[in-house]
Amino acid sequence: MALSPDAAILAIAYGHGPPILWDAVSGARLNILGDHSDNVWVVAFSPDGATLLSNYDDHAVRLWNTASGVTTKVLEEGRNVNSAIYSPDGNMIATGSDFVITLWNARDGLQLFSIFLARDLSGCKLVFSPDSAFISTILYQDLTGGGFRSLIRLWDVTS
């Protein structure tokens, strides 16, 4: 679930089926994004609210025009995406899978670079710094003998 930056639109992903956009004030349904039946794991608005990203079981992240409901770009991640967010300046999209963080150019959809993580890390969650210069990850490491530990890392994404 995600709320647009102006708090006017609520995007909800129910699991099986496409994301649905709702008017956050009246509760009216605005748009159904696509006609697929895949699981939708993540939805997030761009900082200007004009685009919504969503990911599916097919390992792709789709960018939707929130006004028209049309897909504008498809980011072919190639892995199961656990997290996806826009940078606060709107220039980048970060996707996180169990072993890789990928940064994308939000304008043209091209992959900028990837950060490869240790194989025993999973559950990547992402947060950008307010200036879009850093990304923080929360990862989980399975421990031998049971249990896990949480790891928080900070990455400079400007160099």
C-alpha atoms as a PDB file:
ATOM      1  CA  MET A   1       0.000   0.000   0.000  1.00  0.00           C
ATOM      2  CA  ALA A   2       1.262   3.518  -0.779  1.00  0.00           C
ATOM      3  CA  LEU A   3      -0.130   7.032  -0.441  1.00  0.00           C
ATOM      4  CA  SER A   4       0.729   9.627  -3.088  1.00  0.00           C
ATOM      5  CA  PRO A   5       2.881  12.571  -1.916  1.00  0.00           C
ATOM      6  CA  ASP A   6      -0.118  14.920  -2.038  1.00  0.00           C
ATOM      7  CA  ALA A   7      -2.221  12.358  -0.101  1.00  0.00           C
ATOM      8  CA  ALA A   8      -4.822  12.325  -2.906  1.00  0.00           C
ATOM      9  CA  ILE A   9      -4.345   8.761  -4.205  1.00  0.00           C
ATOM     10  CA  LEU A  10      -4.040   5.476  -2.353  1.00  0.00           C
ATOM     11  CA  ALA A  11      -2.446   2.578  -4.256  1.00  0.00           C
ATOM     12  CA  ILE A  12      -3.281  -0.864  -2.960  1.00  0.00           C
ATOM     13  CA  ALA A  13      -1.831  -4.185  -4.064  1.00  0.00           C
ATOM     14  CA  TYR A  14      -4.021  -7.037  -2.896  1.00  0.00           C
ATOM     15  CA  GLY A  15      -1.592  -9.851  -3.684  1.00  0.00           C
ATOM     16  CA  HIS A  16      -3.176 -11.653  -6.633  1.00  0.00           C
ATOM     17  CA  GLY A  17      -4.108  -9.131  -9.265  1.00  0.00           C
ATOM     18  CA  PRO A  18      -3.142  -5.645 -10.367  1.00  0.00           C
ATOM     19  CA  PRO A  19      -2.623  -2.586  -8.171  1.00  0.00           C
ATOM     20  CA  ILE A  20      -5.724  -0.441  -7.795  1.00  0.00           C
ATOM     21  CA  LEU A  21      -5.694   3.343  -7.380  1.00  0.00           C
ATOM     22  CA  TRP A  22      -8.295   4.889  -5.082  1.00  0.00           C
ATOM     23  CA  ASP A  23      -9.254   8.478  -4.354  1.00  0.00           C
ATOM     24  CA  ALA A  24      -8.006   8.863  -0.781  1.00  0.00           C
ATOM     25  CA  VAL A  25     -10.745  11.359   0.119  1.00  0.00           C
ATOM     26  CA  SER A  26     -13.899  10.009  -1.535  1.00  0.00           C
ATOM     27  CA  GLY A  27     -12.923   6.334  -1.662  1.00  0.00           C
ATOM     28  CA  ALA A  28     -13.806   6.129  -5.360  1.00  0.00           C
ATOM     29  CA  ARG A  29     -11.841   3.697  -7.508  1.00  0.00           C
ATOM     30  CA  LEU A  30      -9.732   5.666  -9.989  1.00  0.00           C
ATOM     31  CA  ASN A  31      -7.882   3.036 -11.999  1.00  0.00           C
ATOM     32  CA  ILE A  32      -6.883  -0.612 -12.206  1.00  0.00           C
ATOM     33  CA  LEU A  33      -3.287  -0.916 -13.387  1.00  0.00           C
ATOM     34  CA  GLY A  34      -3.055  -3.819 -15.808  1.00  0.00           C
ATOM     35  CA  ASP A  35      -4.974  -7.054 -16.071  1.00  0.00           C
ATOM     36  CA  HIS A  36      -2.538  -9.649 -14.743  1.00  0.00           C
ATOM     37  CA  SER A  37      -3.052 -12.136 -11.930  1.00  0.00           C
ATOM     38  CA  ASP A  38       0.543 -12.262 -10.596  1.00  0.00           C
ATOM     39  CA  ASN A  39       1.364 -11.435  -7.009  1.00  0.00           C
ATOM     40  CA  VAL A  40       2.168  -7.758  -6.482  1.00  0.00           C
ATOM     41  CA  TRP A  41       4.710  -7.310  -3.691  1.00  0.00           C
ATOM     42  CA  VAL A  42       5.593  -3.614  -3.716  1.00  0.00           C
ATOM     43  CA  VAL A  43       3.946  -0.345  -4.742  1.00  0.00           C
ATOM     44  CA  ALA A  44       5.559   3.097  -4.387  1.00  0.00           C
ATOM     45  CA  PHE A  45       4.865   6.559  -5.791  1.00  0.00           C
ATOM     46  CA  SER A  46       7.404   8.816  -7.434  1.00  0.00           C
ATOM     47  CA  PRO A  47       8.048  12.046  -5.474  1.00  0.00           C
ATOM     48  CA  ASP A  48       5.800  14.013  -7.855  1.00  0.00           C
ATOM     49  CA  GLY A  49       3.037  11.376  -7.682  1.00  0.00           C
ATOM     50  CA  ALA A  50       2.873  11.073 -11.479  1.00  0.00           C
ATOM     51  CA  THR A  51       4.255   7.524 -11.524  1.00  0.00           C
ATOM     52  CA  LEU A  52       3.641   4.407  -9.468  1.00  0.00           C
ATOM     53  CA  LEU A  53       6.046   1.497  -9.450  1.00  0.00           C
ATOM     54  CA  SER A  54       4.968  -2.066  -8.760  1.00  0.00           C
ATOM     55  CA  ASN A  55       6.667  -5.427  -8.940  1.00  0.00           C
ATOM     56  CA  TYR A  56       5.379  -8.868  -9.762  1.00  0.00           C
ATOM     57  CA  ASP A  57       6.288 -12.538  -9.592  1.00  0.00           C
ATOM     58  CA  ASP A  58       7.806 -12.227 -13.086  1.00  0.00           C
ATOM     59  CA  HIS A  59      10.795 -10.370 -11.530  1.00  0.00           C
ATOM     60  CA  ALA A  60      10.032  -7.113 -13.321  1.00  0.00           C
ATOM     61  CA  VAL A  61       9.225  -3.687 -11.911  1.00  0.00           C
ATOM     62  CA  ARG A  62       6.627  -1.748 -13.870  1.00  0.00           C
ATOM     63  CA  LEU A  63       6.255   2.023 -13.899  1.00  0.00           C
ATOM     64  CA  TRP A  64       2.697   3.295 -14.385  1.00  0.00           C
ATOM     65  CA  ASN A  65       1.394   6.718 -15.307  1.00  0.00           C
ATOM     66  CA  THR A  66      -1.040   7.341 -12.448  1.00  0.00           C
ATOM     67  CA  ALA A  67      -3.330   9.575 -14.531  1.00  0.00           C
ATOM     68  CA  SER A  68      -3.722   7.287 -17.550  1.00  0.00           C
ATOM     69  CA  GLY A  69      -2.985   3.872 -16.009  1.00  0.00           C
ATOM     70  CA  VAL A  70      -0.566   3.087 -18.851  1.00  0.00           C
ATOM     71  CA  THR A  71       2.738   1.266 -18.296  1.00  0.00           C
ATOM     72  CA  THR A  72       5.546   3.672 -19.184  1.00  0.00           C
ATOM     73  CA  LYS A  73       8.581   1.451 -18.484  1.00  0.00           C
ATOM     74  CA  VAL A  74       9.476  -2.062 -17.390  1.00  0.00           C
ATOM     75  CA  LEU A  75      12.642  -2.626 -15.360  1.00  0.00           C
ATOM     76  CA  GLU A  76      13.791  -6.199 -15.962  1.00  0.00           C
ATOM     77  CA  GLU A  77      15.266  -7.080 -12.573  1.00  0.00           C
ATOM     78  CA  GLY A  78      15.604 -10.812 -13.217  1.00  0.00           C
ATOM     79  CA  ARG A  79      15.250 -11.615  -9.503  1.00  0.00           C
ATOM     80  CA  ASN A  80      12.484 -11.668  -6.944  1.00  0.00           C
ATOM     81  CA  VAL A  81      12.226  -8.065  -5.707  1.00  0.00           C
ATOM     82  CA  ASN A  82      11.602  -7.596  -1.972  1.00  0.00           C
ATOM     83  CA  SER A  83      11.707  -3.803  -1.969  1.00  0.00           C
ATOM     84  CA  ALA A  84      11.588  -0.952  -4.480  1.00  0.00           C
ATOM     85  CA  ILE A  85      11.616   2.798  -3.863  1.00  0.00           C
ATOM     86  CA  TYR A  86      12.153   6.117  -5.590  1.00  0.00           C
ATOM     87  CA  SER A  87      14.912   8.450  -4.469  1.00  0.00           C
ATOM     88  CA  PRO A  88      13.572  11.680  -2.923  1.00  0.00           C
ATOM     89  CA  ASP A  89      14.851  13.706  -5.902  1.00  0.00           C
ATOM     90  CA  GLY A  90      13.005  11.349  -8.283  1.00  0.00           C
ATOM     91  CA  ASN A  91      16.106  10.576 -10.354  1.00  0.00           C
ATOM     92  CA  MET A  92      16.706   6.989  -9.198  1.00  0.00           C
ATOM     93  CA  ILE A  93      14.818   3.846  -8.349  1.00  0.00           C
ATOM     94  CA  ALA A  94      16.373   1.278  -6.033  1.00  0.00           C
ATOM     95  CA  THR A  95      15.302  -2.356  -6.077  1.00  0.00           C
ATOM     96  CA  GLY A  96      16.368  -4.920  -3.514  1.00  0.00           C
ATOM     97  CA  SER A  97      16.397  -8.676  -3.827  1.00  0.00           C
ATOM     98  CA  ASP A  98      17.845 -11.238  -1.450  1.00  0.00           C
ATOM     99  CA  PHE A  99      21.387 -10.810  -2.763  1.00  0.00           C
ATOM    100  CA  VAL A 100      21.475  -7.658  -4.909  1.00  0.00           C
ATOM    101  CA  ILE A 101      20.609  -3.975  -4.682  1.00  0.00           C
ATOM    102  CA  THR A 102      20.127  -2.396  -8.104  1.00  0.00           C
ATOM    103  CA  LEU A 103      19.969   1.329  -8.888  1.00  0.00           C
ATOM    104  CA  TRP A 104      18.055   2.463 -11.971  1.00  0.00           C
ATOM    105  CA  ASN A 105      17.730   5.759 -13.809  1.00  0.00           C
ATOM    106  CA  ALA A 106      14.096   6.693 -13.152  1.00  0.00           C
ATOM    107  CA  ARG A 107      13.839   8.779 -16.338  1.00  0.00           C
ATOM    108  CA  ASP A 108      14.977   6.241 -18.956  1.00  0.00           C
ATOM    109  CA  GLY A 109      14.747   2.965 -16.995  1.00  0.00           C
ATOM    110  CA  LEU A 110      18.381   2.037 -17.586  1.00  0.00           C
ATOM    111  CA  GLN A 111      20.302   0.159 -14.920  1.00  0.00           C
ATOM    112  CA  LEU A 112      22.952   2.360 -13.284  1.00  0.00           C
ATOM    113  CA  PHE A 113      24.751  -0.243 -11.146  1.00  0.00           C
ATOM    114  CA  SER A 114      24.266  -3.142  -8.771  1.00  0.00           C
ATOM    115  CA  ILE A 115      25.621  -3.859  -5.313  1.00  0.00           C
ATOM    116  CA  PHE A 116      26.107  -7.587  -4.797  1.00  0.00           C
ATOM    117  CA  LEU A 117      25.579  -8.837  -1.255  1.00  0.00           C
ATOM    118  CA  ALA A 118      26.707 -11.961   0.573  1.00  0.00           C
ATOM    119  CA  ARG A 119      24.659 -15.055  -0.245  1.00  0.00           C
ATOM    120  CA  ASP A 120      23.585 -15.544   3.371  1.00  0.00           C
ATOM    121  CA  LEU A 121      21.791 -12.178   3.473  1.00  0.00           C
ATOM    122  CA  SER A 122      18.096 -11.865   2.717  1.00  0.00           C
ATOM    123  CA  GLY A 123      15.035  -9.685   3.128  1.00  0.00           C
ATOM    124  CA  CYS A 124      16.504  -6.470   1.763  1.00  0.00           C
ATOM    125  CA  LYS A 125      14.586  -3.323   2.760  1.00  0.00           C
ATOM    126  CA  LEU A 126      15.662   0.071   1.417  1.00  0.00           C
ATOM    127  CA  VAL A 127      15.573   3.721   2.508  1.00  0.00           C
ATOM    128  CA  PHE A 128      17.138   6.705   0.702  1.00  0.00           C
ATOM    129  CA  SER A 129      18.685   9.629   2.549  1.00  0.00           C
ATOM    130  CA  PRO A 130      16.750  12.903   2.084  1.00  0.00           C
ATOM    131  CA  ASP A 131      19.430  14.194  -0.340  1.00  0.00           C
ATOM    132  CA  SER A 132      19.355  10.939  -2.404  1.00  0.00           C
ATOM    133  CA  ALA A 133      23.114  10.480  -1.884  1.00  0.00           C
ATOM    134  CA  PHE A 134      22.925   7.390   0.332  1.00  0.00           C
ATOM    135  CA  ILE A 135      20.808   4.312   0.610  1.00  0.00           C
ATOM    136  CA  SER A 136      20.401   2.324   3.789  1.00  0.00           C
ATOM    137  CA  THR A 137      19.651  -1.382   3.733  1.00  0.00           C
ATOM    138  CA  ILE A 138      18.261  -3.644   6.398  1.00  0.00           C
ATOM    139  CA  LEU A 139      19.282  -7.234   5.800  1.00  0.00           C
ATOM    140  CA  TYR A 140      18.868 -10.454   7.705  1.00  0.00           C
ATOM    141  CA  GLN A 141      21.610 -13.035   8.113  1.00  0.00           C
ATOM    142  CA  ASP A 142      20.710 -16.620   8.964  1.00  0.00           C
ATOM    143  CA  LEU A 143      22.855 -17.919  11.796  1.00  0.00           C
ATOM    144  CA  THR A 144      24.148 -21.461  12.008  1.00  0.00           C
ATOM    145  CA  GLY A 145      22.171 -23.255  14.676  1.00  0.00           C
ATOM    146  CA  GLY A 146      19.037 -21.195  14.172  1.00  0.00           C
ATOM    147  CA  GLY A 147      17.966 -17.624  14.439  1.00  0.00           C
ATOM    148  CA  PHE A 148      19.146 -14.597  12.526  1.00  0.00           C
ATOM    149  CA  ARG A 149      20.717 -11.209  13.037  1.00  0.00           C
ATOM    150  CA  SER A 150      19.828  -7.893  11.466  1.00  0.00           C
ATOM    151  CA  LEU A 151      22.432  -5.904   9.572  1.00  0.00           C
ATOM    152  CA  ILE A 152      22.045  -2.241   8.675  1.00  0.00           C
ATOM    153  CA  ARG A 153      24.349  -0.877   5.984  1.00  0.00           C
ATOM    154  CA  LEU A 154      24.756   2.584   4.464  1.00  0.00           C
ATOM    155  CA  TRP A 155      25.830   2.857   0.813  1.00  0.00           C
ATOM    156  CA  ASP A 156      27.065   5.937  -1.060  1.00  0.00           C
ATOM    157  CA  VAL A 157      25.189   5.896  -4.380  1.00  0.00           C
ATOM    158  CA  THR A 158      26.808   9.020  -5.816  1.00  0.00           C
ATOM    159  CA  SER A 159      30.138   7.432  -6.745  1.00  0.00           C
END
